[in-house]
Amino acid sequence: MNTSTPPSEQALRRVLRYLELSGVTITVDAEKQALALVTQALDADPGDTLAASMGLIPLYFELPRHSAPLPSPPLCRGSLGYGDY
């Protein structure tokens, strides 16, 4: 990341992008929550605001749950046609 950009701005950008990629709609309220999150992270750990911010996301946002698709057809033991076992 650009070293001339303050760590808090870098953290805010990363948090908003993470939320967007996680399926959260970025609204004005979501932006306000993200700002509050980064403010708390900056107070808690000014040396590593990004890590602190990412750790606080579950406290501020409920992320959509994604599940892995089920394999189709169902997995079962098969034979390659080599004859009897």
PDB file of N, CA and C in Angstrom:
ATOM      1  N   MET A   1       0.842  -1.177   0.000  1.00  0.00           N
ATOM      2  CA  MET A   1       0.000   0.000   0.000  1.00  0.00           C
ATOM      3  C   MET A   1       0.886   1.238   0.000  1.00  0.00           C
ATOM      4  N   ASN A   2       0.294   2.322  -0.382  1.00  0.00           N
ATOM      5  CA  ASN A   2       1.012   3.576  -0.443  1.00  0.00           C
ATOM      6  C   ASN A   2       1.399   4.026   0.959  1.00  0.00           C
ATOM      7  N   THR A   3       2.669   4.312   1.191  1.00  0.00           N
ATOM      8  CA  THR A   3       3.126   4.688   2.524  1.00  0.00           C
ATOM      9  C   THR A   3       2.727   6.107   2.889  1.00  0.00           C
ATOM     10  N   SER A   4       2.342   6.936   1.908  1.00  0.00           N
ATOM     11  CA  SER A   4       1.921   8.294   2.224  1.00  0.00           C
ATOM     12  C   SER A   4       0.455   8.347   2.657  1.00  0.00           C
ATOM     13  N   THR A   5      -0.272   7.265   2.468  1.00  0.00           N
ATOM     14  CA  THR A   5      -1.659   7.191   2.909  1.00  0.00           C
ATOM     15  C   THR A   5      -1.685   6.775   4.368  1.00  0.00           C
ATOM     16  N   PRO A   6      -2.431   7.502   5.207  1.00  0.00           N
ATOM     17  CA  PRO A   6      -2.489   7.146   6.630  1.00  0.00           C
ATOM     18  C   PRO A   6      -3.011   5.715   6.830  1.00  0.00           C
ATOM     19  N   PRO A   7      -2.501   5.021   7.835  1.00  0.00           N
ATOM     20  CA  PRO A   7      -2.960   3.651   8.096  1.00  0.00           C
ATOM     21  C   PRO A   7      -4.463   3.550   8.327  1.00  0.00           C
ATOM     22  N   SER A   8      -5.058   4.562   8.924  1.00  0.00           N
ATOM     23  CA  SER A   8      -6.501   4.514   9.162  1.00  0.00           C
ATOM     24  C   SER A   8      -7.281   4.547   7.850  1.00  0.00           C
ATOM     25  N   GLU A   9      -6.798   5.303   6.870  1.00  0.00           N
ATOM     26  CA  GLU A   9      -7.466   5.343   5.565  1.00  0.00           C
ATOM     27  C   GLU A   9      -7.298   4.017   4.833  1.00  0.00           C
ATOM     28  N   GLN A  10      -6.118   3.434   4.921  1.00  0.00           N
ATOM     29  CA  GLN A  10      -5.881   2.127   4.318  1.00  0.00           C
ATOM     30  C   GLN A  10      -6.807   1.091   4.944  1.00  0.00           C
ATOM     31  N   ALA A  11      -6.939   1.141   6.270  1.00  0.00           N
ATOM     32  CA  ALA A  11      -7.804   0.187   6.973  1.00  0.00           C
ATOM     33  C   ALA A  11      -9.260   0.363   6.556  1.00  0.00           C
ATOM     34  N   LEU A  12      -9.705   1.617   6.454  1.00  0.00           N
ATOM     35  CA  LEU A  12     -11.095   1.866   6.060  1.00  0.00           C
ATOM     36  C   LEU A  12     -11.369   1.336   4.657  1.00  0.00           C
ATOM     37  N   ARG A  13     -10.453   1.581   3.733  1.00  0.00           N
ATOM     38  CA  ARG A  13     -10.623   1.064   2.377  1.00  0.00           C
ATOM     39  C   ARG A  13     -10.697  -0.457   2.372  1.00  0.00           C
ATOM     40  N   ARG A  14      -9.811  -1.102   3.130  1.00  0.00           N
ATOM     41  CA  ARG A  14      -9.773  -2.563   3.164  1.00  0.00           C
ATOM     42  C   ARG A  14     -11.042  -3.123   3.790  1.00  0.00           C
ATOM     43  N   VAL A  15     -11.509  -2.510   4.873  1.00  0.00           N
ATOM     44  CA  VAL A  15     -12.731  -2.984   5.535  1.00  0.00           C
ATOM     45  C   VAL A  15     -13.923  -2.861   4.594  1.00  0.00           C
ATOM     46  N   LEU A  16     -14.070  -1.713   3.940  1.00  0.00           N
ATOM     47  CA  LEU A  16     -15.202  -1.530   3.027  1.00  0.00           C
ATOM     48  C   LEU A  16     -15.143  -2.504   1.854  1.00  0.00           C
ATOM     49  N   ARG A  17     -13.970  -2.737   1.323  1.00  0.00           N
ATOM     50  CA  ARG A  17     -13.827  -3.677   0.208  1.00  0.00           C
ATOM     51  C   ARG A  17     -14.136  -5.102   0.662  1.00  0.00           C
ATOM     52  N   TYR A  18     -13.649  -5.476   1.855  1.00  0.00           N
ATOM     53  CA  TYR A  18     -13.923  -6.801   2.407  1.00  0.00           C
ATOM     54  C   TYR A  18     -15.432  -6.999   2.575  1.00  0.00           C
ATOM     55  N   LEU A  19     -16.096  -5.987   3.115  1.00  0.00           N
ATOM     56  CA  LEU A  19     -17.541  -6.081   3.313  1.00  0.00           C
ATOM     57  C   LEU A  19     -18.268  -6.230   1.978  1.00  0.00           C
ATOM     58  N   GLU A  20     -17.856  -5.436   1.007  1.00  0.00           N
ATOM     59  CA  GLU A  20     -18.478  -5.497  -0.313  1.00  0.00           C
ATOM     60  C   GLU A  20     -18.310  -6.882  -0.932  1.00  0.00           C
ATOM     61  N   LEU A  21     -17.101  -7.432  -0.858  1.00  0.00           N
ATOM     62  CA  LEU A  21     -16.844  -8.756  -1.421  1.00  0.00           C
ATOM     63  C   LEU A  21     -17.545  -9.866  -0.633  1.00  0.00           C
ATOM     64  N   SER A  22     -17.892  -9.581   0.619  1.00  0.00           N
ATOM     65  CA  SER A  22     -18.607 -10.555   1.444  1.00  0.00           C
ATOM     66  C   SER A  22     -20.106 -10.521   1.225  1.00  0.00           C
ATOM     67  N   GLY A  23     -20.567  -9.575   0.410  1.00  0.00           N
ATOM     68  CA  GLY A  23     -21.995  -9.512   0.113  1.00  0.00           C
ATOM     69  C   GLY A  23     -22.761  -8.468   0.895  1.00  0.00           C
ATOM     70  N   VAL A  24     -22.073  -7.637   1.674  1.00  0.00           N
ATOM     71  CA  VAL A  24     -22.742  -6.582   2.426  1.00  0.00           C
ATOM     72  C   VAL A  24     -22.970  -5.398   1.497  1.00  0.00           C
ATOM     73  N   THR A  25     -24.182  -4.860   1.491  1.00  0.00           N
ATOM     74  CA  THR A  25     -24.480  -3.664   0.712  1.00  0.00           C
ATOM     75  C   THR A  25     -23.905  -2.461   1.444  1.00  0.00           C
ATOM     76  N   ILE A  26     -23.089  -1.684   0.742  1.00  0.00           N
ATOM     77  CA  ILE A  26     -22.445  -0.531   1.368  1.00  0.00           C
ATOM     78  C   ILE A  26     -23.397   0.655   1.282  1.00  0.00           C
ATOM     79  N   THR A  27     -24.003   0.955   2.412  1.00  0.00           N
ATOM     80  CA  THR A  27     -24.911   2.086   2.535  1.00  0.00           C
ATOM     81  C   THR A  27     -24.241   3.146   3.396  1.00  0.00           C
ATOM     82  N   VAL A  28     -24.909   4.261   3.579  1.00  0.00           N
ATOM     83  CA  VAL A  28     -24.384   5.315   4.449  1.00  0.00           C
ATOM     84  C   VAL A  28     -24.220   4.775   5.869  1.00  0.00           C
ATOM     85  N   ASP A  29     -25.181   4.006   6.337  1.00  0.00           N
ATOM     86  CA  ASP A  29     -25.083   3.425   7.684  1.00  0.00           C
ATOM     87  C   ASP A  29     -23.910   2.450   7.791  1.00  0.00           C
ATOM     88  N   ALA A  30     -23.695   1.663   6.745  1.00  0.00           N
ATOM     89  CA  ALA A  30     -22.558   0.735   6.750  1.00  0.00           C
ATOM     90  C   ALA A  30     -21.241   1.498   6.774  1.00  0.00           C
ATOM     91  N   GLU A  31     -21.171   2.601   6.043  1.00  0.00           N
ATOM     92  CA  GLU A  31     -19.964   3.419   6.058  1.00  0.00           C
ATOM     93  C   GLU A  31     -19.719   4.014   7.440  1.00  0.00           C
ATOM     94  N   LYS A  32     -20.784   4.455   8.093  1.00  0.00           N
ATOM     95  CA  LYS A  32     -20.657   5.016   9.449  1.00  0.00           C
ATOM     96  C   LYS A  32     -20.162   3.945  10.424  1.00  0.00           C
ATOM     97  N   GLN A  33     -20.699   2.735  10.287  1.00  0.00           N
ATOM     98  CA  GLN A  33     -20.246   1.631  11.143  1.00  0.00           C
ATOM     99  C   GLN A  33     -18.775   1.325  10.881  1.00  0.00           C
ATOM    100  N   ALA A  34     -18.382   1.336   9.616  1.00  0.00           N
ATOM    101  CA  ALA A  34     -16.986   1.072   9.270  1.00  0.00           C
ATOM    102  C   ALA A  34     -16.071   2.150   9.839  1.00  0.00           C
ATOM    103  N   LEU A  35     -16.514   3.396   9.792  1.00  0.00           N
ATOM    104  CA  LEU A  35     -15.730   4.479  10.383  1.00  0.00           C
ATOM    105  C   LEU A  35     -15.575   4.292  11.896  1.00  0.00           C
ATOM    106  N   ALA A  36     -16.667   3.913  12.558  1.00  0.00           N
ATOM    107  CA  ALA A  36     -16.607   3.664  14.005  1.00  0.00           C
ATOM    108  C   ALA A  36     -15.672   2.495  14.308  1.00  0.00           C
ATOM    109  N   LEU A  37     -15.737   1.477  13.485  1.00  0.00           N
ATOM    110  CA  LEU A  37     -14.873   0.301  13.640  1.00  0.00           C
ATOM    111  C   LEU A  37     -13.403   0.700  13.537  1.00  0.00           C
ATOM    112  N   VAL A  38     -13.056   1.465  12.513  1.00  0.00           N
ATOM    113  CA  VAL A  38     -11.663   1.875  12.323  1.00  0.00           C
ATOM    114  C   VAL A  38     -11.219   2.808  13.438  1.00  0.00           C
ATOM    115  N   THR A  39     -12.117   3.661  13.917  1.00  0.00           N
ATOM    116  CA  THR A  39     -11.784   4.533  15.044  1.00  0.00           C
ATOM    117  C   THR A  39     -11.446   3.712  16.279  1.00  0.00           C
ATOM    118  N   GLN A  40     -12.255   2.699  16.560  1.00  0.00           N
ATOM    119  CA  GLN A  40     -11.974   1.830  17.710  1.00  0.00           C
ATOM    120  C   GLN A  40     -10.656   1.093  17.513  1.00  0.00           C
ATOM    121  N   ALA A  41     -10.408   0.609  16.304  1.00  0.00           N
ATOM    122  CA  ALA A  41      -9.157  -0.106  16.024  1.00  0.00           C
ATOM    123  C   ALA A  41      -7.953   0.815  16.169  1.00  0.00           C
ATOM    124  N   LEU A  42      -8.093   2.050  15.742  1.00  0.00           N
ATOM    125  CA  LEU A  42      -6.998   3.024  15.856  1.00  0.00           C
ATOM    126  C   LEU A  42      -6.689   3.315  17.313  1.00  0.00           C
ATOM    127  N   ASP A  43      -7.721   3.390  18.136  1.00  0.00           N
ATOM    128  CA  ASP A  43      -7.515   3.590  19.577  1.00  0.00           C
ATOM    129  C   ASP A  43      -6.892   2.356  20.223  1.00  0.00           C
ATOM    130  N   ALA A  44      -7.322   1.177  19.793  1.00  0.00           N
ATOM    131  CA  ALA A  44      -6.860  -0.070  20.412  1.00  0.00           C
ATOM    132  C   ALA A  44      -5.434  -0.424  20.022  1.00  0.00           C
ATOM    133  N   ASP A  45      -5.079  -0.236  18.756  1.00  0.00           N
ATOM    134  CA  ASP A  45      -3.750  -0.642  18.284  1.00  0.00           C
ATOM    135  C   ASP A  45      -3.278   0.290  17.170  1.00  0.00           C
ATOM    136  N   PRO A  46      -2.743   1.460  17.523  1.00  0.00           N
ATOM    137  CA  PRO A  46      -2.308   2.398  16.487  1.00  0.00           C
ATOM    138  C   PRO A  46      -1.162   1.860  15.633  1.00  0.00           C
ATOM    139  N   GLY A  47      -0.429   0.885  16.129  1.00  0.00           N
ATOM    140  CA  GLY A  47       0.684   0.316  15.377  1.00  0.00           C
ATOM    141  C   GLY A  47       0.251  -0.624  14.282  1.00  0.00           C
ATOM    142  N   ASP A  48      -0.905  -1.249  14.423  1.00  0.00           N
ATOM    143  CA  ASP A  48      -1.411  -2.180  13.409  1.00  0.00           C
ATOM    144  C   ASP A  48      -2.919  -2.012  13.282  1.00  0.00           C
ATOM    145  N   THR A  49      -3.310  -0.860  12.799  1.00  0.00           N
ATOM    146  CA  THR A  49      -4.725  -0.520  12.675  1.00  0.00           C
ATOM    147  C   THR A  49      -5.462  -1.459  11.738  1.00  0.00           C
ATOM    148  N   LEU A  50      -4.790  -1.897  10.687  1.00  0.00           N
ATOM    149  CA  LEU A  50      -5.442  -2.785   9.721  1.00  0.00           C
ATOM    150  C   LEU A  50      -5.829  -4.112  10.366  1.00  0.00           C
ATOM    151  N   ALA A  51      -4.897  -4.739  11.060  1.00  0.00           N
ATOM    152  CA  ALA A  51      -5.198  -6.027  11.708  1.00  0.00           C
ATOM    153  C   ALA A  51      -6.282  -5.870  12.764  1.00  0.00           C
ATOM    154  N   ALA A  52      -6.200  -4.802  13.530  1.00  0.00           N
ATOM    155  CA  ALA A  52      -7.217  -4.562  14.556  1.00  0.00           C
ATOM    156  C   ALA A  52      -8.584  -4.332  13.918  1.00  0.00           C
ATOM    157  N   SER A  53      -8.614  -3.619  12.801  1.00  0.00           N
ATOM    158  CA  SER A  53      -9.878  -3.355  12.105  1.00  0.00           C
ATOM    159  C   SER A  53     -10.502  -4.640  11.586  1.00  0.00           C
ATOM    160  N   MET A  54      -9.690  -5.474  10.960  1.00  0.00           N
ATOM    161  CA  MET A  54     -10.216  -6.719  10.409  1.00  0.00           C
ATOM    162  C   MET A  54     -10.742  -7.626  11.521  1.00  0.00           C
ATOM    163  N   GLY A  55     -10.098  -7.588  12.672  1.00  0.00           N
ATOM    164  CA  GLY A  55     -10.551  -8.394  13.800  1.00  0.00           C
ATOM    165  C   GLY A  55     -11.869  -7.923  14.392  1.00  0.00           C
ATOM    166  N   LEU A  56     -12.200  -6.653  14.204  1.00  0.00           N
ATOM    167  CA  LEU A  56     -13.432  -6.098  14.766  1.00  0.00           C
ATOM    168  C   LEU A  56     -14.648  -6.252  13.852  1.00  0.00           C
ATOM    169  N   ILE A  57     -14.444  -6.640  12.627  1.00  0.00           N
ATOM    170  CA  ILE A  57     -15.562  -6.720  11.675  1.00  0.00           C
ATOM    171  C   ILE A  57     -16.726  -7.558  12.204  1.00  0.00           C
ATOM    172  N   PRO A  58     -16.492  -8.748  12.776  1.00  0.00           N
ATOM    173  CA  PRO A  58     -17.641  -9.540  13.260  1.00  0.00           C
ATOM    174  C   PRO A  58     -18.428  -8.862  14.390  1.00  0.00           C
ATOM    175  N   LEU A  59     -17.804  -7.932  15.105  1.00  0.00           N
ATOM    176  CA  LEU A  59     -18.504  -7.220  16.178  1.00  0.00           C
ATOM    177  C   LEU A  59     -19.412  -6.119  15.637  1.00  0.00           C
ATOM    178  N   TYR A  60     -19.119  -5.632  14.458  1.00  0.00           N
ATOM    179  CA  TYR A  60     -19.867  -4.524  13.885  1.00  0.00           C
ATOM    180  C   TYR A  60     -20.826  -4.941  12.775  1.00  0.00           C
ATOM    181  N   PHE A  61     -20.549  -6.032  12.105  1.00  0.00           N
ATOM    182  CA  PHE A  61     -21.340  -6.432  10.937  1.00  0.00           C
ATOM    183  C   PHE A  61     -21.719  -7.901  11.027  1.00  0.00           C
ATOM    184  N   GLU A  62     -22.913  -8.197  10.553  1.00  0.00           N
ATOM    185  CA  GLU A  62     -23.328  -9.587  10.402  1.00  0.00           C
ATOM    186  C   GLU A  62     -23.124  -9.944   8.941  1.00  0.00           C
ATOM    187  N   LEU A  63     -22.131 -10.773   8.703  1.00  0.00           N
ATOM    188  CA  LEU A  63     -21.786 -11.141   7.333  1.00  0.00           C
ATOM    189  C   LEU A  63     -22.689 -12.258   6.844  1.00  0.00           C
ATOM    190  N   PRO A  64     -23.061 -12.215   5.573  1.00  0.00           N
ATOM    191  CA  PRO A  64     -23.867 -13.305   5.014  1.00  0.00           C
ATOM    192  C   PRO A  64     -23.101 -14.628   5.090  1.00  0.00           C
ATOM    193  N   ARG A  65     -23.815 -15.686   5.363  1.00  0.00           N
ATOM    194  CA  ARG A  65     -23.203 -17.014   5.429  1.00  0.00           C
ATOM    195  C   ARG A  65     -23.220 -17.639   4.041  1.00  0.00           C
ATOM    196  N   HIS A  66     -22.097 -18.210   3.658  1.00  0.00           N
ATOM    197  CA  HIS A  66     -21.998 -18.909   2.383  1.00  0.00           C
ATOM    198  C   HIS A  66     -21.657 -20.367   2.682  1.00  0.00           C
ATOM    199  N   SER A  67     -22.303 -21.245   1.980  1.00  0.00           N
ATOM    200  CA  SER A  67     -21.988 -22.658   2.171  1.00  0.00           C
ATOM    201  C   SER A  67     -21.467 -23.235   0.857  1.00  0.00           C
ATOM    202  N   ALA A  68     -20.658 -24.236   1.003  1.00  0.00           N
ATOM    203  CA  ALA A  68     -20.112 -24.897  -0.182  1.00  0.00           C
ATOM    204  C   ALA A  68     -21.220 -25.715  -0.848  1.00  0.00           C
ATOM    205  N   PRO A  69     -21.269 -25.725  -2.149  1.00  0.00           N
ATOM    206  CA  PRO A  69     -22.299 -26.522  -2.821  1.00  0.00           C
ATOM    207  C   PRO A  69     -22.055 -28.018  -2.595  1.00  0.00           C
ATOM    208  N   LEU A  70     -23.127 -28.767  -2.570  1.00  0.00           N
ATOM    209  CA  LEU A  70     -23.023 -30.208  -2.406  1.00  0.00           C
ATOM    210  C   LEU A  70     -22.540 -30.824  -3.713  1.00  0.00           C
ATOM    211  N   PRO A  71     -21.713 -31.866  -3.601  1.00  0.00           N
ATOM    212  CA  PRO A  71     -21.250 -32.505  -4.838  1.00  0.00           C
ATOM    213  C   PRO A  71     -22.420 -33.218  -5.512  1.00  0.00           C
ATOM    214  N   SER A  72     -22.448 -33.120  -6.799  1.00  0.00           N
ATOM    215  CA  SER A  72     -23.522 -33.765  -7.535  1.00  0.00           C
ATOM    216  C   SER A  72     -22.915 -34.442  -8.748  1.00  0.00           C
ATOM    217  N   PRO A  73     -23.125 -35.644  -9.029  1.00  0.00           N
ATOM    218  CA  PRO A  73     -23.912 -36.617  -8.268  1.00  0.00           C
ATOM    219  C   PRO A  73     -23.202 -36.979  -6.962  1.00  0.00           C
ATOM    220  N   PRO A  74     -23.919 -37.628  -6.055  1.00  0.00           N
ATOM    221  CA  PRO A  74     -23.312 -38.003  -4.788  1.00  0.00           C
ATOM    222  C   PRO A  74     -22.080 -38.887  -5.005  1.00  0.00           C
ATOM    223  N   LEU A  75     -21.071 -38.655  -4.189  1.00  0.00           N
ATOM    224  CA  LEU A  75     -19.859 -39.463  -4.290  1.00  0.00           C
ATOM    225  C   LEU A  75     -20.124 -40.864  -3.760  1.00  0.00           C
ATOM    226  N   CYS A  76     -19.702 -41.873  -4.490  1.00  0.00           N
ATOM    227  CA  CYS A  76     -19.830 -43.252  -4.037  1.00  0.00           C
ATOM    228  C   CYS A  76     -18.696 -44.060  -4.653  1.00  0.00           C
ATOM    229  N   ARG A  77     -18.466 -45.205  -4.072  1.00  0.00           N
ATOM    230  CA  ARG A  77     -17.390 -46.059  -4.562  1.00  0.00           C
ATOM    231  C   ARG A  77     -17.754 -46.594  -5.941  1.00  0.00           C
ATOM    232  N   GLY A  78     -16.799 -46.596  -6.821  1.00  0.00           N
ATOM    233  CA  GLY A  78     -17.064 -47.069  -8.170  1.00  0.00           C
ATOM    234  C   GLY A  78     -15.958 -47.988  -8.633  1.00  0.00           C
ATOM    235  N   SER A  79     -16.090 -48.457  -9.828  1.00  0.00           N
ATOM    236  CA  SER A  79     -15.110 -49.361 -10.413  1.00  0.00           C
ATOM    237  C   SER A  79     -14.639 -48.788 -11.733  1.00  0.00           C
ATOM    238  N   LEU A  80     -13.376 -48.994 -12.014  1.00  0.00           N
ATOM    239  CA  LEU A  80     -12.831 -48.550 -13.294  1.00  0.00           C
ATOM    240  C   LEU A  80     -12.929 -49.662 -14.354  1.00  0.00           C
ATOM    241  N   GLY A  81     -13.565 -50.781 -13.988  1.00  0.00           N
ATOM    242  CA  GLY A  81     -13.753 -51.847 -14.942  1.00  0.00           C
ATOM    243  C   GLY A  81     -12.607 -52.828 -15.020  1.00  0.00           C
ATOM    244  N   TYR A  82     -11.845 -52.995 -13.947  1.00  0.00           N
ATOM    245  CA  TYR A  82     -10.714 -53.924 -13.947  1.00  0.00           C
ATOM    246  C   TYR A  82     -11.136 -55.334 -13.547  1.00  0.00           C
ATOM    247  N   GLY A  83     -12.400 -55.588 -13.375  1.00  0.00           N
ATOM    248  CA  GLY A  83     -12.846 -56.927 -12.992  1.00  0.00           C
ATOM    249  C   GLY A  83     -13.142 -57.012 -11.507  1.00  0.00           C
ATOM    250  N   ASP A  84     -13.268 -58.252 -11.025  1.00  0.00           N
ATOM    251  CA  ASP A  84     -13.597 -58.465  -9.613  1.00  0.00           C
ATOM    252  C   ASP A  84     -12.416 -58.049  -8.737  1.00  0.00           C
ATOM    253  N   TYR A  85     -12.748 -57.706  -7.505  1.00  0.00           N
ATOM    254  CA  TYR A  85     -11.707 -57.315  -6.542  1.00  0.00           C
ATOM    255  C   TYR A  85     -10.996 -58.517  -6.056  1.00  0.00           C
TER     256      TYR A  85
END
